[in-house]
Amino acid sequence: MTSLEIAPPLSAHQRVASTDIDVLHDTVEPFAVGHDLQACKPDIPLDGLVNALNVGAVNLVWVRYGGGGVIVDTPPTEGHFAMCAPIAPMGVEYRATKNRETAGGSLVLSHDEAMRMRPHPTLGCLVIATSTGRLADHLADHLGRDYTAPLRFHNVDKPAITSPSIVERTWRYVCDVLDHATEHGGLHPLAERTLEEALLTSILLGLPHTGVETLAEPHRKIPHHLAGIIREWVQAHHHRPIGVTDIAVAVGVGVRQLQAICQDEWGLTPTQLLRGIRLDHARAALSVARPGPRTITDVAEAAGYLHMSRFAAHYRQRFGETPTQTLKRT
């Protein structure tokens, strides 16, 4: 038995276990795209399992049908994006052109053509679905300007920005984080947004699409007068659950442009800039705080930190002492 059979992706987010093909279909469809199912061997009972959840505007659903397997028919996705990541090789047929292939990695469903697929009965398949509009918005965030051309991922001749393996590595990492998050009371909104953006970024970088040439353009040189605006905004909002994208949007530049400014001006990434400002505020607060059982926790949370172990590690790395040592000198 393989490890995936023991603990399939998103096992902490099980939606249904059923032998009824209609129940399995109706559970999967809201998280994927419209589709029809038919059993390959109706005389063999199905043994289906569906794990699914939303991560921001991205849906993740893993499904195993069991039994003798099923045939999945999908119509053209049009303005939606859906990618299958079969855990084992999966037969694929394009219904109009009659082309056939065996998918073993990231398979983007056609925007324009109906498809037929036969996922592995027991190892199953993960589906990642969102809208092309959400992907275009994420692309625009990186560019620092609107991206208005239709974004398409199928029948594109241009190569991807990087290896398609980034997509699989990312979704496996995201699934692992999501499964472990339930052990710690659920996922924080900032973590959810980070995972959503990681998935969107891996799709834009690892899959061919019509926006590749625009994404590959070198960033425009931005005057450094924006550096002061960046630092002032981070100073004012460091206590909130903000990330790199929030800083870029607030200042009116793309993520890549924000990274270039921070590197040119301070030799830092935007994340390092935010972390340093948070830690400086925390040290200032500890220097005047009254010692108590929750003093360090309260100061860390006020500075925007949610995990005390991470706060302590970053604090010691920056200042050469622990938060407790700073507090004792108060």
C-alpha atoms as a PDB file:
ATOM      1  CA  MET A   1       0.000   0.000   0.000  1.00  0.00           C
ATOM      2  CA  THR A   2       1.378   3.453  -0.922  1.00  0.00           C
ATOM      3  CA  SER A   3       1.596   6.434   1.401  1.00  0.00           C
ATOM      4  CA  LEU A   4      -1.035   8.250  -0.699  1.00  0.00           C
ATOM      5  CA  GLU A   5      -3.497   5.407  -0.062  1.00  0.00           C
ATOM      6  CA  ILE A   6      -2.836   5.795   3.674  1.00  0.00           C
ATOM      7  CA  ALA A   7      -3.007   9.587   3.765  1.00  0.00           C
ATOM      8  CA  PRO A   8      -4.284  11.123   0.508  1.00  0.00           C
ATOM      9  CA  PRO A   9      -4.004  14.874  -0.108  1.00  0.00           C
ATOM     10  CA  LEU A  10      -6.298  17.033   2.039  1.00  0.00           C
ATOM     11  CA  SER A  11      -7.187  14.088   4.268  1.00  0.00           C
ATOM     12  CA  ALA A  12      -8.005  16.516   7.096  1.00  0.00           C
ATOM     13  CA  HIS A  13     -10.690  18.082   4.895  1.00  0.00           C
ATOM     14  CA  GLN A  14     -12.814  15.084   3.974  1.00  0.00           C
ATOM     15  CA  ARG A  15     -16.187  15.969   2.497  1.00  0.00           C
ATOM     16  CA  VAL A  16     -17.757  12.621   1.752  1.00  0.00           C
ATOM     17  CA  ALA A  17     -17.107   8.904   1.470  1.00  0.00           C
ATOM     18  CA  SER A  18     -19.699   7.186  -0.697  1.00  0.00           C
ATOM     19  CA  THR A  19     -20.465   4.369  -3.117  1.00  0.00           C
ATOM     20  CA  ASP A  20     -23.068   6.516  -4.898  1.00  0.00           C
ATOM     21  CA  ILE A  21     -21.752   8.028  -8.134  1.00  0.00           C
ATOM     22  CA  ASP A  22     -24.255  10.906  -7.959  1.00  0.00           C
ATOM     23  CA  VAL A  23     -23.185  11.831  -4.417  1.00  0.00           C
ATOM     24  CA  LEU A  24     -19.535  11.855  -5.478  1.00  0.00           C
ATOM     25  CA  HIS A  25     -20.333  13.961  -8.541  1.00  0.00           C
ATOM     26  CA  ASP A  26     -22.371  16.506  -6.586  1.00  0.00           C
ATOM     27  CA  THR A  27     -19.632  16.835  -3.959  1.00  0.00           C
ATOM     28  CA  VAL A  28     -16.813  17.356  -6.454  1.00  0.00           C
ATOM     29  CA  GLU A  29     -18.493  19.690  -8.940  1.00  0.00           C
ATOM     30  CA  PRO A  30     -18.737  22.862  -6.788  1.00  0.00           C
ATOM     31  CA  PHE A  31     -14.966  22.694  -6.243  1.00  0.00           C
ATOM     32  CA  ALA A  32     -13.995  21.800  -9.821  1.00  0.00           C
ATOM     33  CA  VAL A  33     -15.852  22.436 -13.105  1.00  0.00           C
ATOM     34  CA  GLY A  34     -19.002  21.081 -14.656  1.00  0.00           C
ATOM     35  CA  HIS A  35     -18.650  17.417 -15.597  1.00  0.00           C
ATOM     36  CA  ASP A  36     -20.456  14.135 -16.105  1.00  0.00           C
ATOM     37  CA  LEU A  37     -19.540  10.739 -14.661  1.00  0.00           C
ATOM     38  CA  GLN A  38     -20.138   7.197 -15.791  1.00  0.00           C
ATOM     39  CA  ALA A  39     -18.857   4.018 -14.191  1.00  0.00           C
ATOM     40  CA  CYS A  40     -16.428   1.993 -16.323  1.00  0.00           C
ATOM     41  CA  LYS A  41     -17.657  -1.278 -14.760  1.00  0.00           C
ATOM     42  CA  PRO A  42     -21.147  -0.748 -13.308  1.00  0.00           C
ATOM     43  CA  ASP A  43     -21.166  -4.234 -11.793  1.00  0.00           C
ATOM     44  CA  ILE A  44     -18.256  -3.311  -9.458  1.00  0.00           C
ATOM     45  CA  PRO A  45     -19.365  -1.027  -6.572  1.00  0.00           C
ATOM     46  CA  LEU A  46     -17.541   2.267  -6.238  1.00  0.00           C
ATOM     47  CA  ASP A  47     -15.605   3.126  -3.094  1.00  0.00           C
ATOM     48  CA  GLY A  48     -15.368   6.899  -3.422  1.00  0.00           C
ATOM     49  CA  LEU A  49     -13.744   9.560  -1.271  1.00  0.00           C
ATOM     50  CA  VAL A  50     -13.707  13.341  -1.735  1.00  0.00           C
ATOM     51  CA  ASN A  51     -11.469  15.777   0.164  1.00  0.00           C
ATOM     52  CA  ALA A  52     -11.937  19.459  -0.655  1.00  0.00           C
ATOM     53  CA  LEU A  53     -11.746  23.065   0.521  1.00  0.00           C
ATOM     54  CA  ASN A  54     -11.321  26.663  -0.686  1.00  0.00           C
ATOM     55  CA  VAL A  55      -8.086  28.606  -0.278  1.00  0.00           C
ATOM     56  CA  GLY A  56      -9.168  32.130  -1.061  1.00  0.00           C
ATOM     57  CA  ALA A  57     -10.381  32.102  -4.670  1.00  0.00           C
ATOM     58  CA  VAL A  58      -8.651  28.781  -5.401  1.00  0.00           C
ATOM     59  CA  ASN A  59     -10.490  25.473  -4.966  1.00  0.00           C
ATOM     60  CA  LEU A  60      -8.669  22.242  -4.161  1.00  0.00           C
ATOM     61  CA  VAL A  61     -10.418  18.881  -4.446  1.00  0.00           C
ATOM     62  CA  TRP A  62      -8.951  15.383  -4.353  1.00  0.00           C
ATOM     63  CA  VAL A  63     -11.191  12.544  -5.461  1.00  0.00           C
ATOM     64  CA  ARG A  64     -10.876   8.776  -5.595  1.00  0.00           C
ATOM     65  CA  TYR A  65     -13.757   6.837  -7.153  1.00  0.00           C
ATOM     66  CA  GLY A  66     -12.645   3.271  -6.481  1.00  0.00           C
ATOM     67  CA  GLY A  67     -14.456   0.270  -7.934  1.00  0.00           C
ATOM     68  CA  GLY A  68     -13.769  -0.308 -11.610  1.00  0.00           C
ATOM     69  CA  GLY A  69     -13.064   3.385 -12.151  1.00  0.00           C
ATOM     70  CA  VAL A  70     -15.065   6.107 -13.881  1.00  0.00           C
ATOM     71  CA  ILE A  71     -15.050   8.147 -17.073  1.00  0.00           C
ATOM     72  CA  VAL A  72     -15.082  11.915 -16.517  1.00  0.00           C
ATOM     73  CA  ASP A  73     -16.479  14.089 -19.323  1.00  0.00           C
ATOM     74  CA  THR A  74     -15.867  17.849 -19.115  1.00  0.00           C
ATOM     75  CA  PRO A  75     -17.194  20.622 -21.370  1.00  0.00           C
ATOM     76  CA  PRO A  76     -14.958  23.545 -22.426  1.00  0.00           C
ATOM     77  CA  THR A  77     -13.949  25.525 -19.337  1.00  0.00           C
ATOM     78  CA  GLU A  78     -14.152  28.910 -21.173  1.00  0.00           C
ATOM     79  CA  GLY A  79     -13.317  31.594 -18.583  1.00  0.00           C
ATOM     80  CA  HIS A  80     -12.459  29.145 -15.844  1.00  0.00           C
ATOM     81  CA  PHE A  81      -9.126  27.546 -15.057  1.00  0.00           C
ATOM     82  CA  ALA A  82      -9.003  23.916 -13.995  1.00  0.00           C
ATOM     83  CA  MET A  83      -5.898  21.772 -13.701  1.00  0.00           C
ATOM     84  CA  CYS A  84      -5.794  18.052 -12.975  1.00  0.00           C
ATOM     85  CA  ALA A  85      -2.850  16.592 -11.116  1.00  0.00           C
ATOM     86  CA  PRO A  86      -3.357  12.833 -11.394  1.00  0.00           C
ATOM     87  CA  ILE A  87      -1.564  10.843  -8.717  1.00  0.00           C
ATOM     88  CA  ALA A  88      -1.041   8.064 -11.305  1.00  0.00           C
ATOM     89  CA  PRO A  89      -0.980   8.284 -15.150  1.00  0.00           C
ATOM     90  CA  MET A  90      -4.425   9.157 -16.517  1.00  0.00           C
ATOM     91  CA  GLY A  91      -5.836   8.571 -19.977  1.00  0.00           C
ATOM     92  CA  VAL A  92      -7.096  11.721 -21.731  1.00  0.00           C
ATOM     93  CA  GLU A  93      -9.081  12.187 -24.935  1.00  0.00           C
ATOM     94  CA  TYR A  94      -9.980  15.469 -26.662  1.00  0.00           C
ATOM     95  CA  ARG A  95     -13.458  14.896 -28.023  1.00  0.00           C
ATOM     96  CA  ALA A  96     -13.417  17.193 -31.083  1.00  0.00           C
ATOM     97  CA  THR A  97      -9.921  16.477 -32.414  1.00  0.00           C
ATOM     98  CA  LYS A  98      -9.875  12.836 -31.184  1.00  0.00           C
ATOM     99  CA  ASN A  99      -6.336  13.395 -29.882  1.00  0.00           C
ATOM    100  CA  ARG A 100      -5.329  11.090 -27.030  1.00  0.00           C
ATOM    101  CA  GLU A 101      -2.564  11.276 -24.452  1.00  0.00           C
ATOM    102  CA  THR A 102      -1.552   9.981 -21.059  1.00  0.00           C
ATOM    103  CA  ALA A 103      -1.324  12.717 -18.440  1.00  0.00           C
ATOM    104  CA  GLY A 104       1.201  12.214 -15.694  1.00  0.00           C
ATOM    105  CA  GLY A 105       1.716  15.756 -14.412  1.00  0.00           C
ATOM    106  CA  SER A 106      -0.195  19.025 -14.628  1.00  0.00           C
ATOM    107  CA  LEU A 107      -3.036  18.770 -17.168  1.00  0.00           C
ATOM    108  CA  VAL A 108      -4.929  21.998 -17.888  1.00  0.00           C
ATOM    109  CA  LEU A 109      -8.479  21.400 -19.066  1.00  0.00           C
ATOM    110  CA  SER A 110      -9.242  22.915 -22.448  1.00  0.00           C
ATOM    111  CA  HIS A 111     -10.959  26.297 -22.616  1.00  0.00           C
ATOM    112  CA  ASP A 112     -12.479  25.408 -26.002  1.00  0.00           C
ATOM    113  CA  GLU A 113     -12.826  21.629 -26.314  1.00  0.00           C
ATOM    114  CA  ALA A 114     -14.679  18.919 -24.419  1.00  0.00           C
ATOM    115  CA  MET A 115     -12.444  16.280 -22.823  1.00  0.00           C
ATOM    116  CA  ARG A 116     -12.744  12.744 -21.499  1.00  0.00           C
ATOM    117  CA  MET A 117     -10.522  11.418 -18.696  1.00  0.00           C
ATOM    118  CA  ARG A 118     -10.053   8.135 -16.840  1.00  0.00           C
ATOM    119  CA  PRO A 119      -8.425   8.797 -13.437  1.00  0.00           C
ATOM    120  CA  HIS A 120      -6.833   5.936 -11.514  1.00  0.00           C
ATOM    121  CA  PRO A 121      -9.566   4.187  -9.460  1.00  0.00           C
ATOM    122  CA  THR A 122      -7.659   4.037  -6.159  1.00  0.00           C
ATOM    123  CA  LEU A 123      -4.907   6.697  -6.325  1.00  0.00           C
ATOM    124  CA  GLY A 124      -7.255   9.352  -7.674  1.00  0.00           C
ATOM    125  CA  CYS A 125      -6.615  12.884  -8.877  1.00  0.00           C
ATOM    126  CA  LEU A 126      -6.256  16.375  -7.428  1.00  0.00           C
ATOM    127  CA  VAL A 127      -8.058  19.243  -9.180  1.00  0.00           C
ATOM    128  CA  ILE A 128      -7.060  22.897  -8.755  1.00  0.00           C
ATOM    129  CA  ALA A 129      -9.685  25.343 -10.001  1.00  0.00           C
ATOM    130  CA  THR A 130     -10.124  29.102 -10.086  1.00  0.00           C
ATOM    131  CA  SER A 131     -11.072  31.754 -12.636  1.00  0.00           C
ATOM    132  CA  THR A 132      -8.777  33.128 -15.312  1.00  0.00           C
ATOM    133  CA  GLY A 133      -9.835  36.542 -14.012  1.00  0.00           C
ATOM    134  CA  ARG A 134      -8.292  35.816 -10.606  1.00  0.00           C
ATOM    135  CA  LEU A 135      -5.095  34.667 -12.294  1.00  0.00           C
ATOM    136  CA  ALA A 136      -5.072  37.815 -14.440  1.00  0.00           C
ATOM    137  CA  ASP A 137      -5.493  39.948 -11.302  1.00  0.00           C
ATOM    138  CA  HIS A 138      -2.547  38.166  -9.683  1.00  0.00           C
ATOM    139  CA  LEU A 139      -0.493  38.739 -12.820  1.00  0.00           C
ATOM    140  CA  ALA A 140      -1.440  42.421 -12.733  1.00  0.00           C
ATOM    141  CA  ASP A 141      -0.296  42.640  -9.086  1.00  0.00           C
ATOM    142  CA  HIS A 142       3.160  41.469 -10.152  1.00  0.00           C
ATOM    143  CA  LEU A 143       3.263  43.751 -13.187  1.00  0.00           C
ATOM    144  CA  GLY A 144       2.080  46.831 -11.333  1.00  0.00           C
ATOM    145  CA  ARG A 145      -0.472  47.536 -14.056  1.00  0.00           C
ATOM    146  CA  ASP A 146      -3.680  46.061 -15.397  1.00  0.00           C
ATOM    147  CA  TYR A 147      -3.535  42.963 -17.547  1.00  0.00           C
ATOM    148  CA  THR A 148      -6.630  43.104 -19.754  1.00  0.00           C
ATOM    149  CA  ALA A 149      -5.888  40.565 -22.515  1.00  0.00           C
ATOM    150  CA  PRO A 150      -7.711  37.211 -22.260  1.00  0.00           C
ATOM    151  CA  LEU A 151      -5.579  34.782 -20.263  1.00  0.00           C
ATOM    152  CA  ARG A 152      -5.558  31.271 -21.761  1.00  0.00           C
ATOM    153  CA  PHE A 153      -3.578  28.188 -20.747  1.00  0.00           C
ATOM    154  CA  HIS A 154      -4.453  25.663 -23.443  1.00  0.00           C
ATOM    155  CA  ASN A 155      -2.902  25.227 -26.905  1.00  0.00           C
ATOM    156  CA  VAL A 156      -0.212  27.816 -26.141  1.00  0.00           C
ATOM    157  CA  ASP A 157       3.054  27.465 -28.082  1.00  0.00           C
ATOM    158  CA  LYS A 158       5.162  29.638 -25.768  1.00  0.00           C
ATOM    159  CA  PRO A 159       7.162  27.811 -23.071  1.00  0.00           C
ATOM    160  CA  ALA A 160       6.523  28.469 -19.403  1.00  0.00           C
ATOM    161  CA  ILE A 161       8.737  30.787 -17.366  1.00  0.00           C
ATOM    162  CA  THR A 162      10.174  27.897 -15.354  1.00  0.00           C
ATOM    163  CA  SER A 163       9.904  24.132 -14.856  1.00  0.00           C
ATOM    164  CA  PRO A 164       6.365  22.737 -14.454  1.00  0.00           C
ATOM    165  CA  SER A 165       7.608  20.864 -11.384  1.00  0.00           C
ATOM    166  CA  ILE A 166       7.077  24.093  -9.412  1.00  0.00           C
ATOM    167  CA  VAL A 167       3.329  23.514  -9.675  1.00  0.00           C
ATOM    168  CA  GLU A 168       3.439  20.046  -8.147  1.00  0.00           C
ATOM    169  CA  ARG A 169       5.904  21.061  -5.442  1.00  0.00           C
ATOM    170  CA  THR A 170       3.667  23.972  -4.514  1.00  0.00           C
ATOM    171  CA  TRP A 171       0.363  22.109  -4.343  1.00  0.00           C
ATOM    172  CA  ARG A 172       1.943  19.306  -2.323  1.00  0.00           C
ATOM    173  CA  TYR A 173       3.353  21.866   0.118  1.00  0.00           C
ATOM    174  CA  VAL A 174       0.009  23.689   0.345  1.00  0.00           C
ATOM    175  CA  CYS A 175      -1.888  20.443   0.975  1.00  0.00           C
ATOM    176  CA  ASP A 176       0.580  19.502   3.706  1.00  0.00           C
ATOM    177  CA  VAL A 177       0.185  22.888   5.422  1.00  0.00           C
ATOM    178  CA  LEU A 178      -3.605  22.697   5.192  1.00  0.00           C
ATOM    179  CA  ASP A 179      -3.700  19.214   6.717  1.00  0.00           C
ATOM    180  CA  HIS A 180      -1.467  20.228   9.632  1.00  0.00           C
ATOM    181  CA  ALA A 181      -3.288  23.542  10.195  1.00  0.00           C
ATOM    182  CA  THR A 182      -6.301  21.700  11.592  1.00  0.00           C
ATOM    183  CA  GLU A 183      -4.101  20.456  14.447  1.00  0.00           C
ATOM    184  CA  HIS A 184      -3.468  24.061  15.488  1.00  0.00           C
ATOM    185  CA  GLY A 185      -6.956  25.508  15.410  1.00  0.00           C
ATOM    186  CA  GLY A 186      -7.255  26.231  11.706  1.00  0.00           C
ATOM    187  CA  LEU A 187      -5.598  28.518   9.195  1.00  0.00           C
ATOM    188  CA  HIS A 188      -4.932  32.190   9.925  1.00  0.00           C
ATOM    189  CA  PRO A 189      -6.275  34.557   7.201  1.00  0.00           C
ATOM    190  CA  LEU A 190      -2.760  35.780   6.402  1.00  0.00           C
ATOM    191  CA  ALA A 191      -1.549  32.196   5.987  1.00  0.00           C
ATOM    192  CA  GLU A 192      -4.539  31.418   3.767  1.00  0.00           C
ATOM    193  CA  ARG A 193      -3.750  34.376   1.540  1.00  0.00           C
ATOM    194  CA  THR A 194      -0.097  33.372   1.361  1.00  0.00           C
ATOM    195  CA  LEU A 195      -1.031  29.844   0.277  1.00  0.00           C
ATOM    196  CA  GLU A 196      -3.502  31.151  -2.300  1.00  0.00           C
ATOM    197  CA  GLU A 197      -0.874  33.438  -3.803  1.00  0.00           C
ATOM    198  CA  ALA A 198       1.699  30.626  -3.801  1.00  0.00           C
ATOM    199  CA  LEU A 199      -0.655  28.471  -5.872  1.00  0.00           C
ATOM    200  CA  LEU A 200      -1.468  31.302  -8.286  1.00  0.00           C
ATOM    201  CA  THR A 201       2.210  32.187  -8.689  1.00  0.00           C
ATOM    202  CA  SER A 202       3.243  28.591  -9.380  1.00  0.00           C
ATOM    203  CA  ILE A 203       0.539  28.318 -12.057  1.00  0.00           C
ATOM    204  CA  LEU A 204       1.664  31.536 -13.761  1.00  0.00           C
ATOM    205  CA  LEU A 205       5.334  30.501 -13.650  1.00  0.00           C
ATOM    206  CA  GLY A 206       5.123  26.764 -14.303  1.00  0.00           C
ATOM    207  CA  LEU A 207       2.450  26.514 -17.008  1.00  0.00           C
ATOM    208  CA  PRO A 208       2.444  27.979 -20.555  1.00  0.00           C
ATOM    209  CA  HIS A 209      -0.124  30.723 -21.060  1.00  0.00           C
ATOM    210  CA  THR A 210      -0.779  33.770 -23.207  1.00  0.00           C
ATOM    211  CA  GLY A 211       0.689  36.168 -20.618  1.00  0.00           C
ATOM    212  CA  VAL A 212       4.152  34.569 -20.492  1.00  0.00           C
ATOM    213  CA  GLU A 213       5.877  37.241 -22.602  1.00  0.00           C
ATOM    214  CA  THR A 214       4.438  40.029 -20.453  1.00  0.00           C
ATOM    215  CA  LEU A 215       5.428  38.233 -17.251  1.00  0.00           C
ATOM    216  CA  ALA A 216       8.981  37.781 -18.570  1.00  0.00           C
ATOM    217  CA  GLU A 217       9.471  41.516 -19.253  1.00  0.00           C
ATOM    218  CA  PRO A 218      12.209  43.161 -17.132  1.00  0.00           C
ATOM    219  CA  HIS A 219      10.853  45.386 -14.407  1.00  0.00           C
ATOM    220  CA  ARG A 220      10.670  49.100 -15.003  1.00  0.00           C
ATOM    221  CA  LYS A 221      13.079  51.311 -13.055  1.00  0.00           C
ATOM    222  CA  ILE A 222      11.132  53.096 -10.336  1.00  0.00           C
ATOM    223  CA  PRO A 223      12.365  56.385  -8.825  1.00  0.00           C
ATOM    224  CA  HIS A 224      13.580  55.860  -5.292  1.00  0.00           C
ATOM    225  CA  HIS A 225      11.358  58.605  -3.900  1.00  0.00           C
ATOM    226  CA  LEU A 226       8.875  55.762  -3.406  1.00  0.00           C
ATOM    227  CA  ALA A 227      11.209  54.178  -0.866  1.00  0.00           C
ATOM    228  CA  GLY A 228      10.121  56.643   1.809  1.00  0.00           C
ATOM    229  CA  ILE A 229       6.460  56.030   1.033  1.00  0.00           C
ATOM    230  CA  ILE A 230       7.013  52.278   1.300  1.00  0.00           C
ATOM    231  CA  ARG A 231       8.708  52.540   4.684  1.00  0.00           C
ATOM    232  CA  GLU A 232       6.089  54.968   6.045  1.00  0.00           C
ATOM    233  CA  TRP A 233       3.231  52.675   4.998  1.00  0.00           C
ATOM    234  CA  VAL A 234       4.876  49.619   6.540  1.00  0.00           C
ATOM    235  CA  GLN A 235       5.557  51.582   9.747  1.00  0.00           C
ATOM    236  CA  ALA A 236       1.887  52.544   9.942  1.00  0.00           C
ATOM    237  CA  HIS A 237       0.512  49.079   9.212  1.00  0.00           C
ATOM    238  CA  HIS A 238       3.153  46.689  10.581  1.00  0.00           C
ATOM    239  CA  HIS A 239       0.801  45.470  13.333  1.00  0.00           C
ATOM    240  CA  ARG A 240      -1.774  44.205  10.824  1.00  0.00           C
ATOM    241  CA  PRO A 241      -1.624  40.811   9.002  1.00  0.00           C
ATOM    242  CA  ILE A 242      -0.113  42.324   5.851  1.00  0.00           C
ATOM    243  CA  GLY A 243       2.075  40.710   3.221  1.00  0.00           C
ATOM    244  CA  VAL A 244       4.192  41.724   0.253  1.00  0.00           C
ATOM    245  CA  THR A 245       1.205  42.055  -2.077  1.00  0.00           C
ATOM    246  CA  ASP A 246      -0.552  44.417   0.355  1.00  0.00           C
ATOM    247  CA  ILE A 247       2.500  46.700   0.428  1.00  0.00           C
ATOM    248  CA  ALA A 248       2.775  46.733  -3.370  1.00  0.00           C
ATOM    249  CA  VAL A 249      -0.926  47.519  -3.857  1.00  0.00           C
ATOM    250  CA  ALA A 250      -0.866  50.280  -1.232  1.00  0.00           C
ATOM    251  CA  VAL A 251       2.114  51.995  -2.869  1.00  0.00           C
ATOM    252  CA  GLY A 252       0.838  51.450  -6.415  1.00  0.00           C
ATOM    253  CA  VAL A 253       3.621  49.272  -7.834  1.00  0.00           C
ATOM    254  CA  GLY A 254       3.975  45.635  -8.795  1.00  0.00           C
ATOM    255  CA  VAL A 255       5.512  43.028  -6.525  1.00  0.00           C
ATOM    256  CA  ARG A 256       8.623  42.752  -8.690  1.00  0.00           C
ATOM    257  CA  GLN A 257       9.012  46.550  -8.676  1.00  0.00           C
ATOM    258  CA  LEU A 258       8.594  46.627  -4.898  1.00  0.00           C
ATOM    259  CA  GLN A 259      11.294  43.980  -4.571  1.00  0.00           C
ATOM    260  CA  ALA A 260      13.636  45.996  -6.804  1.00  0.00           C
ATOM    261  CA  ILE A 261      13.139  49.202  -4.791  1.00  0.00           C
ATOM    262  CA  CYS A 262      13.737  47.468  -1.455  1.00  0.00           C
ATOM    263  CA  GLN A 263      16.836  45.743  -2.792  1.00  0.00           C
ATOM    264  CA  ASP A 264      18.282  48.905  -4.353  1.00  0.00           C
ATOM    265  CA  GLU A 265      17.499  51.151  -1.374  1.00  0.00           C
ATOM    266  CA  TRP A 266      18.141  48.914   1.649  1.00  0.00           C
ATOM    267  CA  GLY A 267      19.544  45.633   0.312  1.00  0.00           C
ATOM    268  CA  LEU A 268      16.481  43.858   1.717  1.00  0.00           C
ATOM    269  CA  THR A 269      13.491  41.960   0.456  1.00  0.00           C
ATOM    270  CA  PRO A 270      10.079  43.473   1.303  1.00  0.00           C
ATOM    271  CA  THR A 271       9.566  40.629   3.789  1.00  0.00           C
ATOM    272  CA  GLN A 272      12.844  41.445   5.520  1.00  0.00           C
ATOM    273  CA  LEU A 273      11.896  45.138   5.644  1.00  0.00           C
ATOM    274  CA  LEU A 274       8.534  44.322   7.249  1.00  0.00           C
ATOM    275  CA  ARG A 275      10.140  41.914   9.706  1.00  0.00           C
ATOM    276  CA  GLY A 276      12.784  44.444  10.755  1.00  0.00           C
ATOM    277  CA  ILE A 277      10.208  47.166  11.383  1.00  0.00           C
ATOM    278  CA  ARG A 278       8.064  44.784  13.430  1.00  0.00           C
ATOM    279  CA  LEU A 279      11.042  43.707  15.533  1.00  0.00           C
ATOM    280  CA  ASP A 280      12.195  47.298  16.100  1.00  0.00           C
ATOM    281  CA  HIS A 281       8.723  48.200  17.390  1.00  0.00           C
ATOM    282  CA  ALA A 282       8.720  45.127  19.612  1.00  0.00           C
ATOM    283  CA  ARG A 283      12.116  45.999  21.107  1.00  0.00           C
ATOM    284  CA  ALA A 284      11.009  49.556  21.809  1.00  0.00           C
ATOM    285  CA  ALA A 285       7.887  48.251  23.537  1.00  0.00           C
ATOM    286  CA  LEU A 286       9.791  45.697  25.619  1.00  0.00           C
ATOM    287  CA  SER A 287      12.240  48.378  26.721  1.00  0.00           C
ATOM    288  CA  VAL A 288       9.470  50.238  28.559  1.00  0.00           C
ATOM    289  CA  ALA A 289       7.067  47.391  29.386  1.00  0.00           C
ATOM    290  CA  ARG A 290       6.134  46.185  32.859  1.00  0.00           C
ATOM    291  CA  PRO A 291       7.134  42.506  33.264  1.00  0.00           C
ATOM    292  CA  GLY A 292       4.197  40.119  33.487  1.00  0.00           C
ATOM    293  CA  PRO A 293       3.074  36.624  32.419  1.00  0.00           C
ATOM    294  CA  ARG A 294       1.795  37.837  29.021  1.00  0.00           C
ATOM    295  CA  THR A 295       4.055  40.815  28.401  1.00  0.00           C
ATOM    296  CA  ILE A 296       6.166  39.239  25.654  1.00  0.00           C
ATOM    297  CA  THR A 297       3.144  37.623  24.006  1.00  0.00           C
ATOM    298  CA  ASP A 298       1.218  40.914  24.001  1.00  0.00           C
ATOM    299  CA  VAL A 299       4.189  42.834  22.589  1.00  0.00           C
ATOM    300  CA  ALA A 300       4.757  40.237  19.866  1.00  0.00           C
ATOM    301  CA  GLU A 301       1.095  40.259  18.841  1.00  0.00           C
ATOM    302  CA  ALA A 302       1.003  44.052  18.829  1.00  0.00           C
ATOM    303  CA  ALA A 303       3.974  43.998  16.461  1.00  0.00           C
ATOM    304  CA  GLY A 304       2.174  41.658  14.076  1.00  0.00           C
ATOM    305  CA  TYR A 305       3.655  38.315  15.168  1.00  0.00           C
ATOM    306  CA  LEU A 306       1.355  35.327  15.654  1.00  0.00           C
ATOM    307  CA  HIS A 307       3.874  32.599  16.505  1.00  0.00           C
ATOM    308  CA  MET A 308       5.982  33.125  19.622  1.00  0.00           C
ATOM    309  CA  SER A 309       8.734  30.705  18.613  1.00  0.00           C
ATOM    310  CA  ARG A 310       9.220  32.526  15.330  1.00  0.00           C
ATOM    311  CA  PHE A 311       9.174  35.899  17.107  1.00  0.00           C
ATOM    312  CA  ALA A 312      11.826  34.747  19.592  1.00  0.00           C
ATOM    313  CA  ALA A 313      14.063  33.348  16.844  1.00  0.00           C
ATOM    314  CA  HIS A 314      13.844  36.467  14.687  1.00  0.00           C
ATOM    315  CA  TYR A 315      14.326  38.719  17.718  1.00  0.00           C
ATOM    316  CA  ARG A 316      17.489  36.955  18.841  1.00  0.00           C
ATOM    317  CA  GLN A 317      18.857  36.932  15.298  1.00  0.00           C
ATOM    318  CA  ARG A 318      18.365  40.696  14.979  1.00  0.00           C
ATOM    319  CA  PHE A 319      19.379  41.887  18.458  1.00  0.00           C
ATOM    320  CA  GLY A 320      21.639  39.132  19.802  1.00  0.00           C
ATOM    321  CA  GLU A 321      19.475  38.526  22.861  1.00  0.00           C
ATOM    322  CA  THR A 322      16.098  37.027  23.693  1.00  0.00           C
ATOM    323  CA  PRO A 323      12.938  39.082  24.338  1.00  0.00           C
ATOM    324  CA  THR A 324      13.099  37.913  27.954  1.00  0.00           C
ATOM    325  CA  GLN A 325      16.600  39.341  28.378  1.00  0.00           C
ATOM    326  CA  THR A 326      15.462  42.694  27.008  1.00  0.00           C
ATOM    327  CA  LEU A 327      12.464  42.708  29.334  1.00  0.00           C
ATOM    328  CA  LYS A 328      14.583  41.890  32.418  1.00  0.00           C
ATOM    329  CA  ARG A 329      16.584  45.079  31.886  1.00  0.00           C
ATOM    330  CA  THR A 330      13.448  47.204  31.989  1.00  0.00           C
END
